[in-house]
Amino acid sequence: MNKPNFFEDIQAKINHAIENSPAKDIEKNVKAMLGQGFSKLDLVTREEFDVQAQVLASTREKLEALEARVTELETQLKRP
């Protein structure tokens, strides 16, 4: 018997058994329940998170530049 065919046959039989088992229905139900639970948590995608992190970093840089400029102007005002 050819080994690749033997393993393919075993894999096909296992897949068929799993598809026809109650475990497949349980898996579908659990995925549906998790999906509903996650949607109620108001989560964001990784992409949305990364975009907001970039916006925050940019805003932080601008704020630091403005703080430095204010400090510089305050120093100039204090000079006689």
N, C-alpha and C. Protein backbone atom coordinates (compact mmCIF):
# COMPACT_ATOMS: atom_id res chain seq x y z
N MET A 1 0.85 -1.20 0.00
CA MET A 1 0.00 0.00 0.00
C MET A 1 0.88 1.24 0.00
N ASN A 2 0.52 2.20 -0.76
CA ASN A 2 1.26 3.45 -0.89
C ASN A 2 1.02 4.29 0.36
N LYS A 3 2.11 4.74 1.01
CA LYS A 3 1.98 5.48 2.27
C LYS A 3 1.19 6.78 2.14
N PRO A 4 1.46 7.65 1.14
CA PRO A 4 0.67 8.88 1.03
C PRO A 4 -0.82 8.59 0.88
N ASN A 5 -1.17 7.60 0.08
CA ASN A 5 -2.58 7.26 -0.09
C ASN A 5 -3.18 6.75 1.22
N PHE A 6 -2.41 5.99 1.96
CA PHE A 6 -2.88 5.46 3.24
C PHE A 6 -3.21 6.61 4.19
N PHE A 7 -2.30 7.59 4.29
CA PHE A 7 -2.54 8.72 5.19
C PHE A 7 -3.69 9.60 4.70
N GLU A 8 -3.78 9.79 3.40
CA GLU A 8 -4.89 10.57 2.85
C GLU A 8 -6.22 9.88 3.14
N ASP A 9 -6.23 8.55 3.03
CA ASP A 9 -7.45 7.79 3.30
C ASP A 9 -7.85 7.92 4.77
N ILE A 10 -6.87 7.79 5.66
CA ILE A 10 -7.14 7.94 7.10
C ILE A 10 -7.65 9.34 7.39
N GLN A 11 -7.00 10.35 6.82
CA GLN A 11 -7.41 11.74 7.05
C GLN A 11 -8.83 11.97 6.55
N ALA A 12 -9.15 11.44 5.39
CA ALA A 12 -10.50 11.60 4.84
C ALA A 12 -11.54 10.95 5.75
N LYS A 13 -11.20 9.77 6.27
CA LYS A 13 -12.14 9.07 7.17
C LYS A 13 -12.34 9.86 8.47
N ILE A 14 -11.26 10.42 8.99
CA ILE A 14 -11.36 11.21 10.23
C ILE A 14 -12.18 12.47 9.98
N ASN A 15 -11.92 13.14 8.88
CA ASN A 15 -12.69 14.35 8.55
C ASN A 15 -14.17 14.03 8.39
N HIS A 16 -14.47 12.91 7.74
CA HIS A 16 -15.86 12.51 7.54
C HIS A 16 -16.52 12.21 8.90
N ALA A 17 -15.80 11.55 9.76
CA ALA A 17 -16.34 11.23 11.09
C ALA A 17 -16.61 12.49 11.90
N ILE A 18 -15.69 13.45 11.81
CA ILE A 18 -15.86 14.69 12.56
C ILE A 18 -17.04 15.49 12.01
N GLU A 19 -17.17 15.54 10.69
CA GLU A 19 -18.28 16.30 10.09
C GLU A 19 -19.63 15.73 10.47
N ASN A 20 -19.70 14.43 10.70
CA ASN A 20 -20.97 13.80 11.04
C ASN A 20 -21.16 13.62 12.55
N SER A 21 -20.28 14.20 13.34
CA SER A 21 -20.38 14.00 14.79
C SER A 21 -21.05 15.20 15.45
N PRO A 22 -21.56 15.01 16.66
CA PRO A 22 -22.14 16.13 17.40
C PRO A 22 -21.11 17.20 17.74
N ALA A 23 -19.83 16.84 17.73
CA ALA A 23 -18.77 17.81 18.05
C ALA A 23 -18.80 18.98 17.05
N LYS A 24 -19.13 18.71 15.80
CA LYS A 24 -19.18 19.77 14.79
C LYS A 24 -20.28 20.77 15.12
N ASP A 25 -21.44 20.28 15.56
CA ASP A 25 -22.54 21.17 15.96
C ASP A 25 -22.16 21.98 17.19
N ILE A 26 -21.49 21.33 18.12
CA ILE A 26 -21.06 22.03 19.34
C ILE A 26 -20.09 23.15 18.97
N GLU A 27 -19.16 22.84 18.07
CA GLU A 27 -18.19 23.85 17.63
C GLU A 27 -18.89 25.05 17.00
N LYS A 28 -19.87 24.79 16.14
CA LYS A 28 -20.61 25.88 15.50
C LYS A 28 -21.34 26.72 16.54
N ASN A 29 -21.97 26.06 17.51
CA ASN A 29 -22.71 26.78 18.55
C ASN A 29 -21.78 27.62 19.43
N VAL A 30 -20.65 27.06 19.77
CA VAL A 30 -19.69 27.80 20.60
C VAL A 30 -19.16 29.01 19.85
N LYS A 31 -18.85 28.84 18.55
CA LYS A 31 -18.37 29.98 17.76
C LYS A 31 -19.43 31.07 17.67
N ALA A 32 -20.68 30.67 17.51
CA ALA A 32 -21.76 31.65 17.44
C ALA A 32 -21.91 32.40 18.76
N MET A 33 -21.84 31.65 19.86
CA MET A 33 -21.97 32.28 21.18
C MET A 33 -20.81 33.24 21.44
N LEU A 34 -19.60 32.84 21.08
CA LEU A 34 -18.45 33.72 21.27
C LEU A 34 -18.57 34.96 20.40
N GLY A 35 -19.03 34.78 19.17
CA GLY A 35 -19.21 35.93 18.28
C GLY A 35 -20.19 36.93 18.86
N GLN A 36 -21.30 36.44 19.40
CA GLN A 36 -22.29 37.33 20.02
C GLN A 36 -21.71 38.02 21.24
N GLY A 37 -20.98 37.27 22.05
CA GLY A 37 -20.38 37.85 23.25
C GLY A 37 -19.37 38.93 22.91
N PHE A 38 -18.53 38.68 21.90
CA PHE A 38 -17.53 39.67 21.50
C PHE A 38 -18.19 40.91 20.92
N SER A 39 -19.28 40.74 20.19
CA SER A 39 -19.93 41.91 19.61
C SER A 39 -20.53 42.81 20.70
N LYS A 40 -20.92 42.23 21.80
CA LYS A 40 -21.47 43.02 22.91
C LYS A 40 -20.38 43.76 23.68
N LEU A 41 -19.14 43.32 23.55
CA LEU A 41 -18.04 43.95 24.28
C LEU A 41 -17.54 45.22 23.62
N ASP A 42 -18.04 45.54 22.44
CA ASP A 42 -17.63 46.75 21.72
C ASP A 42 -16.12 46.77 21.50
N LEU A 43 -15.60 45.67 20.96
CA LEU A 43 -14.18 45.54 20.68
C LEU A 43 -13.84 46.19 19.35
N VAL A 44 -12.57 46.55 19.17
CA VAL A 44 -12.11 47.10 17.90
C VAL A 44 -11.17 46.09 17.25
N THR A 45 -11.02 46.23 15.95
CA THR A 45 -10.09 45.35 15.24
C THR A 45 -8.66 45.80 15.50
N ARG A 46 -7.72 44.95 15.19
CA ARG A 46 -6.31 45.28 15.35
C ARG A 46 -5.95 46.46 14.46
N GLU A 47 -6.52 46.47 13.24
CA GLU A 47 -6.25 47.57 12.30
C GLU A 47 -6.73 48.90 12.87
N GLU A 48 -7.94 48.92 13.44
CA GLU A 48 -8.47 50.15 14.03
C GLU A 48 -7.60 50.60 15.21
N PHE A 49 -7.15 49.64 16.00
CA PHE A 49 -6.30 49.94 17.14
C PHE A 49 -4.98 50.56 16.66
N ASP A 50 -4.38 49.96 15.64
CA ASP A 50 -3.10 50.47 15.12
C ASP A 50 -3.24 51.89 14.57
N VAL A 51 -4.34 52.15 13.87
CA VAL A 51 -4.58 53.50 13.33
C VAL A 51 -4.68 54.50 14.48
N GLN A 52 -5.44 54.15 15.51
CA GLN A 52 -5.60 55.06 16.65
C GLN A 52 -4.29 55.25 17.40
N ALA A 53 -3.47 54.21 17.47
CA ALA A 53 -2.15 54.33 18.13
C ALA A 53 -1.27 55.30 17.35
N GLN A 54 -1.33 55.26 16.01
CA GLN A 54 -0.56 56.19 15.19
C GLN A 54 -1.05 57.62 15.38
N VAL A 55 -2.36 57.80 15.44
CA VAL A 55 -2.93 59.14 15.66
C VAL A 55 -2.48 59.67 17.01
N LEU A 56 -2.51 58.82 18.03
CA LEU A 56 -2.09 59.22 19.36
C LEU A 56 -0.61 59.61 19.39
N ALA A 57 0.23 58.81 18.72
CA ALA A 57 1.67 59.12 18.68
C ALA A 57 1.91 60.46 17.99
N SER A 58 1.21 60.70 16.91
CA SER A 58 1.35 61.97 16.19
C SER A 58 0.89 63.14 17.06
N THR A 59 -0.23 62.97 17.73
CA THR A 59 -0.76 64.02 18.61
C THR A 59 0.21 64.28 19.77
N ARG A 60 0.79 63.22 20.30
CA ARG A 60 1.75 63.37 21.40
C ARG A 60 2.97 64.17 20.94
N GLU A 61 3.47 63.89 19.73
CA GLU A 61 4.61 64.64 19.19
C GLU A 61 4.29 66.12 19.06
N LYS A 62 3.09 66.43 18.54
CA LYS A 62 2.69 67.82 18.38
C LYS A 62 2.55 68.51 19.73
N LEU A 63 2.00 67.81 20.70
CA LEU A 63 1.85 68.36 22.05
C LEU A 63 3.21 68.66 22.67
N GLU A 64 4.15 67.75 22.52
CA GLU A 64 5.49 67.98 23.07
C GLU A 64 6.16 69.17 22.40
N ALA A 65 5.96 69.32 21.09
CA ALA A 65 6.54 70.47 20.38
C ALA A 65 5.91 71.76 20.87
N LEU A 66 4.59 71.75 21.08
CA LEU A 66 3.92 72.95 21.59
C LEU A 66 4.36 73.29 23.01
N GLU A 67 4.52 72.28 23.84
CA GLU A 67 4.99 72.52 25.21
C GLU A 67 6.38 73.15 25.20
N ALA A 68 7.24 72.65 24.33
CA ALA A 68 8.59 73.21 24.23
C ALA A 68 8.53 74.66 23.76
N ARG A 69 7.65 74.93 22.81
CA ARG A 69 7.51 76.31 22.29
C ARG A 69 6.97 77.24 23.38
N VAL A 70 6.00 76.79 24.16
CA VAL A 70 5.45 77.61 25.25
C VAL A 70 6.53 77.89 26.28
N THR A 71 7.32 76.88 26.61
CA THR A 71 8.41 77.08 27.57
C THR A 71 9.41 78.10 27.03
N GLU A 72 9.71 78.01 25.76
CA GLU A 72 10.63 78.96 25.14
C GLU A 72 10.07 80.39 25.20
N LEU A 73 8.79 80.54 24.87
CA LEU A 73 8.16 81.87 24.91
C LEU A 73 8.10 82.42 26.33
N GLU A 74 7.81 81.57 27.30
CA GLU A 74 7.78 82.01 28.70
C GLU A 74 9.15 82.49 29.14
N THR A 75 10.18 81.79 28.69
CA THR A 75 11.55 82.18 29.03
C THR A 75 11.88 83.55 28.42
N GLN A 76 11.46 83.77 27.22
CA GLN A 76 11.70 85.05 26.54
C GLN A 76 10.97 86.18 27.25
N LEU A 77 9.76 85.93 27.75
CA LEU A 77 8.99 86.97 28.45
C LEU A 77 9.62 87.34 29.79
N LYS A 78 10.30 86.40 30.43
CA LYS A 78 10.89 86.64 31.74
C LYS A 78 12.19 87.43 31.64
N ARG A 79 12.79 87.50 30.47
CA ARG A 79 14.07 88.21 30.31
C ARG A 79 13.83 89.70 30.42
N PRO A 80 14.75 90.41 31.06
CA PRO A 80 14.60 91.87 31.20
C PRO A 80 14.85 92.63 29.93
